[in-house]
Amino acid sequence: MRLSEKIRAGVFMLLLLGLVIFLSYKNSVVNKGWFILLAGCLLVITGCCLFLYKCLLAKEKKEKHLLKVNRSLEENRQLIMKASLDAIICTDDHGHITFWNTQAENLFGWTFEEVKGKVLYKLIAPENKQAIYENQLAQYHQTGSAPWMNSLLETNAVDRYGKEFPVEFTALAIDRADEKFFCTFVRDISVRKGAEDALKEKTKEFRNLSAYLQRIREAERKQMAREVNDELGQLVSALKIDIDWLNTRIQSLEENEKKRLAHASNTLEILILSIRKMASSLRPSILDDFGLNATIEWQCREFTDVHDIDCEFYCDYDDNGLPVKLKTEMFRIVQESLANVVHHSEAKKVKVTITSEKEELHMKIEDDGKGFDKNSKKDTLGLIGLRERAASVNGKLRIESAPGKGTVVHAIIPKKQNP
């Protein structure tokens, strides 16, 4: 019986008692003085009881309303949690399951009745990770924190059939009154991981194709440079020798004829220089004969002579042990970066440096040109080509630039290459 109901019953008893006192007075059982005293006390007590009864009614009404609101909120919470696209699992602070929504049933295969009261990590975590979660739960009890609290993590889970699949989850520690519990949100990411793996595989295939095409292109350039330099260059040189011989041996030629021979000799000399330059641009023989450092130094001198832009080279690393492929790609990165300087930067000075740090080589091509805004400028084909060259030797390429502050092309390449 509620307290308000008990007070109401007491009021009725007081009214009955008042009736008894009144009848006693009428029948002269009590005198007038005692009647007034008893009646006054009875009225005061009855008034207090009625006031208390009214207050309790108001309090009970408010509590009833709050209980109804809480019940409604709890029902809404249950509906939201059950309708969620994620699996939502609630446990007490020792990991025993207290709530398991419909998505959790669909994801793991157990119903709530089957898992209620069981330890969560022993139910859905792979066996090789259960000890880790047990230690982390003990860590939470000692320190109040754990690696999986308030963080979105990726791991593997198992269903009731033993199938292991990737999930992402986050766990929240909730304090409500004297109750502490965890609310864990779990999402199956098998489709996403499959798409990511497929994308990685395609990217790997494209990079392998790009590296293969670069190898074929370098081989063709090397072959073409050799043919241009050795065959065409030798033929032109032999032709120039013959013309020079004729010019010195034939004395009966008129002045105009001698000038024509001299002009032909000069033209052949220019042609020989053009052939050498063409062969060098295809594949500098110095790269195969003297190595990377000598080739970059030669390239910088050529760049300064041709474009009138000061180009300096600094190196503190001996390149004798580097693989041929690595030397080739590093030289091409320098060559293409210098071409970008000519076409885009309006620079007056360029500096190329190669430094050695532990297991990596750091190569920088820095210019003092106009630079560009990296946030608004998309990668051009030239920059994409540089990135692909760096990636082909397992390296990374960083571009540092700002308007009016020049550009730095920074290649970070491991010394040891995968076979």
Protein backbone atom coordinates (compact mmCIF):
# COMPACT_ATOMS: atom_id res chain seq x y z
CA MET A 1 0.00 0.00 0.00
CA ARG A 2 1.29 3.46 -0.90
CA LEU A 3 1.99 5.99 1.82
CA SER A 4 -0.72 8.32 0.44
CA GLU A 5 -3.26 5.53 0.70
CA LYS A 6 -2.18 4.85 4.30
CA ILE A 7 -2.60 8.55 5.17
CA ARG A 8 -6.03 8.57 3.52
CA ALA A 9 -7.05 5.58 5.65
CA GLY A 10 -5.74 7.40 8.72
CA VAL A 11 -7.85 10.47 7.90
CA PHE A 12 -10.93 8.28 7.77
CA MET A 13 -9.99 6.82 11.16
CA LEU A 14 -9.60 10.33 12.57
CA LEU A 15 -13.00 11.29 11.21
CA LEU A 16 -14.50 8.22 12.90
CA LEU A 17 -12.72 9.17 16.10
CA GLY A 18 -14.15 12.70 15.83
CA LEU A 19 -17.61 11.22 15.38
CA VAL A 20 -17.11 9.13 18.54
CA ILE A 21 -15.99 12.23 20.51
CA PHE A 22 -18.97 14.20 19.22
CA LEU A 23 -21.43 11.48 20.21
CA SER A 24 -19.77 11.21 23.62
CA TYR A 25 -20.24 14.94 24.14
CA LYS A 26 -23.90 14.73 23.07
CA ASN A 27 -24.48 11.91 25.53
CA SER A 28 -22.67 13.90 28.28
CA VAL A 29 -19.92 11.31 28.55
CA VAL A 30 -17.28 14.07 28.35
CA ASN A 31 -17.63 17.63 29.51
CA LYS A 32 -17.38 20.70 27.26
CA GLY A 33 -13.72 21.52 28.06
CA TRP A 34 -12.48 18.05 27.18
CA PHE A 35 -14.63 18.06 24.05
CA ILE A 36 -13.14 21.36 22.82
CA LEU A 37 -9.57 20.17 23.53
CA LEU A 38 -10.06 16.80 21.85
CA ALA A 39 -11.89 18.35 18.90
CA GLY A 40 -9.15 20.99 18.38
CA CYS A 41 -6.36 18.41 18.47
CA LEU A 42 -8.30 16.21 16.11
CA LEU A 43 -8.84 19.08 13.64
CA VAL A 44 -5.14 20.01 13.66
CA ILE A 45 -4.05 16.42 13.12
CA THR A 46 -6.64 15.92 10.38
CA GLY A 47 -5.57 19.15 8.63
CA CYS A 48 -1.91 18.11 8.72
CA CYS A 49 -2.80 14.70 7.38
CA LEU A 50 -4.86 16.20 4.56
CA PHE A 51 -2.01 18.58 3.61
CA LEU A 52 0.50 15.73 3.69
CA TYR A 53 -1.87 13.60 1.63
CA LYS A 54 -2.17 16.33 -1.00
CA CYS A 55 1.63 16.74 -1.18
CA LEU A 56 2.13 13.01 -1.52
CA LEU A 57 -0.46 12.85 -4.29
CA ALA A 58 1.39 15.59 -6.19
CA LYS A 59 4.70 13.81 -5.64
CA GLU A 60 3.36 10.46 -6.78
CA LYS A 61 1.81 12.08 -9.83
CA LYS A 62 5.15 13.63 -10.76
CA GLU A 63 6.98 10.37 -10.15
CA LYS A 64 4.43 8.56 -12.28
CA HIS A 65 4.95 11.09 -15.07
CA LEU A 66 8.74 10.79 -14.81
CA LEU A 67 8.48 7.01 -14.82
CA LYS A 68 6.33 7.20 -17.93
CA VAL A 69 8.84 9.54 -19.59
CA ASN A 70 11.75 7.29 -18.63
CA ARG A 71 9.89 4.25 -19.89
CA SER A 72 9.18 6.07 -23.15
CA LEU A 73 12.81 7.13 -23.49
CA GLU A 74 13.97 3.59 -22.75
CA GLU A 75 11.56 2.21 -25.34
CA ASN A 76 12.78 4.77 -27.90
CA ARG A 77 16.39 3.93 -27.06
CA GLN A 78 15.66 0.25 -27.51
CA LEU A 79 13.94 0.95 -30.85
CA ILE A 80 16.84 3.08 -32.07
CA MET A 81 19.42 0.51 -30.99
CA LYS A 82 17.46 -2.31 -32.58
CA ALA A 83 16.93 -0.34 -35.82
CA SER A 84 20.59 0.73 -36.04
CA LEU A 85 22.57 -0.36 -39.11
CA ASP A 86 25.46 -1.25 -36.79
CA ALA A 87 25.58 -4.11 -34.34
CA ILE A 88 25.18 -2.56 -30.88
CA ILE A 89 26.27 -4.60 -27.87
CA CYS A 90 26.09 -3.49 -24.25
CA THR A 91 28.07 -5.18 -21.48
CA ASP A 92 28.68 -4.59 -17.81
CA ASP A 93 32.12 -3.40 -16.70
CA HIS A 94 33.32 -7.04 -16.58
CA GLY A 95 32.36 -7.69 -20.20
CA HIS A 96 29.16 -9.69 -19.65
CA ILE A 97 26.57 -9.05 -22.36
CA THR A 98 23.43 -7.17 -21.25
CA PHE A 99 22.09 -5.99 -24.63
CA TRP A 100 22.38 -7.43 -28.14
CA ASN A 101 20.43 -5.76 -30.95
CA THR A 102 18.98 -7.27 -34.12
CA GLN A 103 22.00 -6.32 -36.24
CA ALA A 104 24.26 -8.13 -33.76
CA GLU A 105 22.05 -11.21 -34.16
CA ASN A 106 22.31 -10.94 -37.96
CA LEU A 107 26.05 -10.30 -37.88
CA PHE A 108 27.16 -12.99 -35.46
CA GLY A 109 24.32 -15.52 -35.68
CA TRP A 110 23.41 -15.75 -31.98
CA THR A 111 20.16 -14.49 -30.47
CA PHE A 112 20.16 -12.27 -27.40
CA GLU A 113 18.82 -15.13 -25.24
CA GLU A 114 21.78 -17.29 -26.29
CA VAL A 115 24.47 -14.70 -25.46
CA LYS A 116 22.97 -12.90 -22.46
CA GLY A 117 25.43 -12.93 -19.56
CA LYS A 118 28.35 -14.29 -21.61
CA VAL A 119 31.72 -12.53 -21.84
CA LEU A 120 31.81 -10.58 -25.11
CA TYR A 121 35.48 -10.97 -26.10
CA LYS A 122 35.35 -14.74 -25.45
CA LEU A 123 32.34 -14.98 -27.75
CA ILE A 124 33.31 -12.94 -30.84
CA ALA A 125 37.10 -12.40 -30.67
CA PRO A 126 39.49 -14.84 -32.41
CA GLU A 127 41.28 -17.14 -29.98
CA ASN A 128 44.67 -15.55 -30.62
CA LYS A 129 43.34 -12.14 -29.49
CA GLN A 130 41.24 -13.08 -26.48
CA ALA A 131 44.18 -12.80 -24.07
CA ILE A 132 44.89 -9.29 -25.38
CA TYR A 133 41.32 -8.13 -24.69
CA GLU A 134 41.39 -9.77 -21.26
CA ASN A 135 44.55 -7.86 -20.35
CA GLN A 136 43.06 -4.61 -21.69
CA LEU A 137 39.91 -5.11 -19.62
CA ALA A 138 42.08 -5.61 -16.53
CA GLN A 139 43.96 -2.45 -17.50
CA TYR A 140 40.65 -0.58 -17.61
CA HIS A 141 39.77 -1.68 -14.08
CA GLN A 142 43.18 -0.47 -12.85
CA THR A 143 43.56 2.80 -14.78
CA GLY A 144 40.08 3.65 -16.07
CA SER A 145 41.20 3.57 -19.72
CA ALA A 146 41.87 1.03 -22.46
CA PRO A 147 43.14 1.21 -26.09
CA TRP A 148 39.69 0.44 -27.52
CA MET A 149 37.82 3.15 -25.58
CA ASN A 150 36.48 6.08 -27.65
CA SER A 151 38.57 5.04 -30.67
CA LEU A 152 37.55 3.62 -34.05
CA LEU A 153 39.60 0.45 -34.57
CA GLU A 154 39.77 -2.33 -37.12
CA THR A 155 40.13 -5.98 -36.15
CA ASN A 156 38.77 -9.43 -36.94
CA ALA A 157 35.75 -11.10 -35.35
CA VAL A 158 34.21 -14.58 -35.53
CA ASP A 159 30.56 -15.62 -35.78
CA ARG A 160 28.87 -18.65 -34.24
CA TYR A 161 30.06 -20.81 -37.16
CA GLY A 162 33.72 -19.92 -36.65
CA LYS A 163 33.92 -17.71 -39.74
CA GLU A 164 36.42 -14.90 -39.27
CA PHE A 165 35.74 -11.53 -40.92
CA PRO A 166 37.00 -7.93 -40.64
CA VAL A 167 35.08 -5.40 -38.54
CA GLU A 168 35.53 -1.88 -37.24
CA PHE A 169 34.34 -1.05 -33.76
CA THR A 170 34.33 1.54 -31.04
CA ALA A 171 33.46 1.15 -27.37
CA LEU A 172 32.10 3.80 -25.02
CA ALA A 173 32.26 3.59 -21.23
CA ILE A 174 29.00 4.90 -19.74
CA ASP A 175 28.32 5.80 -16.10
CA ARG A 176 24.64 5.92 -15.17
CA ALA A 177 23.87 6.44 -11.48
CA ASP A 178 25.82 3.69 -9.72
CA GLU A 179 25.92 1.52 -12.83
CA LYS A 180 28.90 1.32 -15.20
CA PHE A 181 28.67 -0.41 -18.55
CA PHE A 182 30.15 -0.45 -22.06
CA CYS A 183 28.31 0.19 -25.30
CA THR A 184 30.13 -1.27 -28.31
CA PHE A 185 29.29 -0.44 -31.94
CA VAL A 186 30.44 -3.04 -34.49
CA ARG A 187 30.28 -2.84 -38.29
CA ASP A 188 31.13 -5.51 -40.84
CA ILE A 189 33.67 -4.08 -43.31
CA SER A 190 34.19 -7.20 -45.42
CA VAL A 191 32.86 -5.52 -48.58
CA ARG A 192 34.96 -2.39 -48.03
CA LYS A 193 38.11 -4.38 -47.28
CA GLY A 194 37.49 -6.49 -50.34
CA ALA A 195 37.17 -3.36 -52.47
CA GLU A 196 40.31 -1.89 -50.87
CA ASP A 197 42.26 -5.10 -51.51
CA ALA A 198 41.04 -5.17 -55.12
CA LEU A 199 42.03 -1.53 -55.53
CA LYS A 200 45.48 -2.21 -54.03
CA GLU A 201 45.91 -5.18 -56.35
CA LYS A 202 44.93 -3.08 -59.38
CA THR A 203 47.25 -0.28 -58.26
CA LYS A 204 50.04 -2.82 -57.88
CA GLU A 205 49.34 -4.18 -61.35
CA PHE A 206 49.36 -0.67 -62.86
CA ARG A 207 52.63 0.15 -61.11
CA ASN A 208 54.17 -3.09 -62.28
CA LEU A 209 52.98 -2.26 -65.79
CA SER A 210 54.39 1.27 -65.48
CA ALA A 211 57.73 -0.10 -64.23
CA TYR A 212 57.78 -2.62 -67.07
CA LEU A 213 57.08 0.08 -69.65
CA GLN A 214 59.81 2.24 -68.14
CA ARG A 215 62.29 -0.64 -68.35
CA ILE A 216 61.32 -1.27 -71.96
CA ARG A 217 61.60 2.45 -72.72
CA GLU A 218 65.02 2.69 -71.08
CA ALA A 219 66.20 -0.38 -72.99
CA GLU A 220 64.92 1.11 -76.26
CA ARG A 221 66.55 4.46 -75.46
CA LYS A 222 69.83 2.73 -74.68
CA GLN A 223 69.68 0.74 -77.90
CA MET A 224 68.65 3.78 -79.95
CA ALA A 225 71.38 5.95 -78.38
CA ARG A 226 73.97 3.31 -79.21
CA GLU A 227 72.76 2.99 -82.80
CA VAL A 228 72.59 6.75 -83.29
CA ASN A 229 76.02 7.33 -81.78
CA ASP A 230 77.85 4.29 -83.14
CA GLU A 231 76.30 3.79 -86.57
CA LEU A 232 74.87 7.10 -87.70
CA GLY A 233 77.58 9.09 -85.92
CA GLN A 234 80.36 7.00 -87.46
CA LEU A 235 78.86 7.29 -90.95
CA VAL A 236 78.62 11.06 -90.67
CA SER A 237 82.16 11.25 -89.26
CA ALA A 238 83.46 9.15 -92.14
CA LEU A 239 81.65 11.40 -94.62
CA LYS A 240 83.22 14.50 -93.02
CA ILE A 241 86.68 12.93 -93.21
CA ASP A 242 86.19 12.22 -96.91
CA ILE A 243 85.03 15.78 -97.61
CA ASP A 244 87.95 17.24 -95.67
CA TRP A 245 90.30 14.94 -97.61
CA LEU A 246 88.85 16.09 -100.93
CA ASN A 247 89.12 19.72 -99.84
CA THR A 248 92.85 19.34 -99.16
CA ARG A 249 93.72 17.14 -102.17
CA ILE A 250 91.86 18.82 -105.05
CA GLN A 251 93.70 22.01 -105.93
CA SER A 252 91.97 22.77 -109.23
CA LEU A 253 88.70 23.71 -107.65
CA GLU A 254 87.42 27.20 -108.01
CA GLU A 255 86.88 29.41 -104.99
CA ASN A 256 83.07 28.88 -104.94
CA GLU A 257 83.52 25.10 -105.08
CA LYS A 258 85.99 25.18 -102.18
CA LYS A 259 83.53 27.26 -100.16
CA ARG A 260 80.80 24.71 -100.84
CA LEU A 261 83.07 21.89 -99.65
CA ALA A 262 83.98 23.90 -96.53
CA HIS A 263 80.29 24.58 -95.90
CA ALA A 264 79.49 20.87 -96.27
CA SER A 265 82.29 20.05 -93.79
CA ASN A 266 80.93 22.57 -91.26
CA THR A 267 77.41 21.24 -91.70
CA LEU A 268 78.62 17.70 -91.06
CA GLU A 269 80.44 18.91 -87.95
CA ILE A 270 77.20 20.46 -86.66
CA LEU A 271 75.38 17.24 -87.54
CA ILE A 272 77.92 15.20 -85.56
CA LEU A 273 77.39 17.43 -82.51
CA SER A 274 73.60 17.11 -82.93
CA ILE A 275 73.88 13.33 -83.12
CA ARG A 276 75.98 13.24 -79.95
CA LYS A 277 73.50 15.50 -78.19
CA MET A 278 70.60 13.35 -79.38
CA ALA A 279 72.31 10.19 -78.16
CA SER A 280 73.04 11.80 -74.78
CA SER A 281 69.45 12.93 -74.36
CA LEU A 282 68.20 9.41 -75.10
CA ARG A 283 70.61 7.69 -72.71
CA PRO A 284 73.86 9.30 -71.55
CA SER A 285 76.63 6.74 -71.92
CA ILE A 286 78.33 8.37 -68.95
CA LEU A 287 75.59 6.87 -66.72
CA ASP A 288 76.71 3.35 -67.61
CA ASP A 289 80.40 4.17 -67.71
CA PHE A 290 80.93 6.48 -64.72
CA GLY A 291 77.81 6.21 -62.55
CA LEU A 292 75.05 8.40 -61.15
CA ASN A 293 77.04 11.20 -59.50
CA ALA A 294 79.15 11.91 -62.57
CA THR A 295 76.05 11.86 -64.79
CA ILE A 296 74.09 14.32 -62.63
CA GLU A 297 77.14 16.59 -62.45
CA TRP A 298 77.43 16.48 -66.24
CA GLN A 299 73.67 17.13 -66.59
CA CYS A 300 73.95 20.20 -64.34
CA ARG A 301 76.81 21.62 -66.45
CA GLU A 302 74.83 21.02 -69.63
CA PHE A 303 71.74 22.60 -68.06
CA THR A 304 73.70 25.72 -67.08
CA ASP A 305 75.31 26.05 -70.53
CA VAL A 306 72.09 25.56 -72.50
CA HIS A 307 69.55 27.48 -70.38
CA ASP A 308 71.78 30.02 -68.61
CA ILE A 309 70.39 28.93 -65.22
CA ASP A 310 72.93 28.28 -62.48
CA CYS A 311 72.73 24.59 -61.50
CA GLU A 312 74.89 23.15 -58.70
CA PHE A 313 75.28 19.54 -57.56
CA TYR A 314 76.27 18.33 -54.07
CA CYS A 315 76.64 14.70 -53.02
CA ASP A 316 78.06 12.93 -49.96
CA TYR A 317 77.34 9.36 -51.05
CA ASP A 318 79.35 6.91 -53.15
CA ASP A 319 77.02 5.48 -55.79
CA ASN A 320 79.17 2.48 -56.77
CA GLY A 321 76.96 -0.02 -54.95
CA LEU A 322 73.64 1.21 -56.31
CA PRO A 323 71.66 -1.01 -58.73
CA VAL A 324 71.51 0.13 -62.34
CA LYS A 325 67.71 0.54 -62.19
CA LEU A 326 67.99 2.81 -59.15
CA LYS A 327 70.66 4.96 -60.81
CA THR A 328 68.53 5.25 -63.94
CA GLU A 329 65.36 6.30 -62.11
CA MET A 330 67.18 8.81 -59.91
CA PHE A 331 68.82 10.37 -62.95
CA ARG A 332 65.47 10.55 -64.77
CA ILE A 333 63.89 12.26 -61.73
CA VAL A 334 66.63 14.90 -61.87
CA GLN A 335 66.33 15.24 -65.65
CA GLU A 336 62.53 15.65 -65.60
CA SER A 337 62.67 18.02 -62.61
CA LEU A 338 65.14 20.25 -64.44
CA ALA A 339 62.83 20.21 -67.48
CA ASN A 340 59.98 21.41 -65.21
CA VAL A 341 62.23 24.21 -63.93
CA VAL A 342 62.80 25.42 -67.48
CA HIS A 343 59.14 25.26 -68.48
CA HIS A 344 57.39 26.49 -65.33
CA SER A 345 59.52 27.98 -62.56
CA GLU A 346 61.28 31.05 -64.08
CA ALA A 347 64.13 30.25 -61.69
CA LYS A 348 67.64 31.75 -61.70
CA LYS A 349 69.30 29.04 -59.63
CA VAL A 350 68.85 25.30 -59.06
CA LYS A 351 70.54 23.06 -56.51
CA VAL A 352 70.63 19.25 -56.67
CA THR A 353 71.72 17.37 -53.55
CA ILE A 354 71.98 13.67 -52.65
CA THR A 355 72.47 12.73 -48.99
CA SER A 356 72.60 9.37 -47.26
CA GLU A 357 70.59 8.73 -44.07
CA LYS A 358 70.70 5.20 -42.62
CA GLU A 359 68.98 2.95 -45.19
CA GLU A 360 67.63 5.76 -47.40
CA LEU A 361 68.87 8.16 -50.01
CA HIS A 362 67.43 11.68 -49.98
CA MET A 363 67.58 13.53 -53.28
CA LYS A 364 66.40 17.14 -53.52
CA ILE A 365 66.03 19.40 -56.55
CA GLU A 366 65.49 22.95 -55.24
CA ASP A 367 64.86 26.08 -57.31
CA ASP A 368 64.30 29.75 -56.45
CA GLY A 369 61.47 30.21 -58.97
CA LYS A 370 57.92 31.49 -58.60
CA GLY A 371 56.56 28.31 -56.99
CA PHE A 372 52.87 27.42 -56.86
CA ASP A 373 50.02 26.82 -54.43
CA LYS A 374 49.89 23.10 -53.69
CA ASN A 375 46.31 23.34 -52.38
CA SER A 376 44.90 24.72 -55.63
CA LYS A 377 47.21 23.15 -58.19
CA LYS A 378 46.44 19.60 -59.22
CA ASP A 379 49.16 17.12 -60.11
CA THR A 380 50.24 17.54 -63.72
CA LEU A 381 51.45 14.67 -65.85
CA GLY A 382 55.02 15.73 -65.08
CA LEU A 383 54.53 15.44 -61.31
CA ILE A 384 52.62 12.19 -61.71
CA GLY A 385 55.51 10.83 -63.77
CA LEU A 386 57.98 11.83 -61.05
CA ARG A 387 55.86 10.09 -58.40
CA GLU A 388 55.63 6.96 -60.51
CA ARG A 389 59.39 6.89 -61.01
CA ALA A 390 59.96 7.17 -57.27
CA ALA A 391 57.35 4.48 -56.58
CA SER A 392 58.97 2.14 -59.13
CA VAL A 393 62.05 1.95 -56.85
CA ASN A 394 59.93 1.68 -53.64
CA GLY A 395 60.44 5.36 -52.86
CA LYS A 396 58.31 8.36 -52.02
CA LEU A 397 58.20 11.79 -53.61
CA ARG A 398 57.29 15.01 -51.78
CA ILE A 399 56.65 18.34 -53.44
CA GLU A 400 57.20 21.44 -51.30
CA SER A 401 56.21 24.75 -52.84
CA ALA A 402 54.48 28.07 -52.18
CA PRO A 403 53.87 31.13 -54.38
CA GLY A 404 57.06 33.19 -54.59
CA LYS A 405 59.10 30.70 -52.55
CA GLY A 406 60.34 28.27 -55.16
CA THR A 407 59.83 24.51 -55.36
CA VAL A 408 61.56 21.52 -53.77
CA VAL A 409 61.25 18.04 -55.27
CA HIS A 410 62.26 15.62 -52.49
CA ALA A 411 62.71 11.93 -53.37
CA ILE A 412 63.21 9.44 -50.51
CA ILE A 413 64.48 6.14 -51.88
CA PRO A 414 65.63 2.99 -50.00
CA LYS A 415 69.17 1.87 -50.84
CA LYS A 416 68.25 -1.81 -50.88
CA GLN A 417 65.80 -2.71 -53.61
CA ASN A 418 63.56 -5.75 -53.80
CA PRO A 419 64.70 -8.15 -56.47
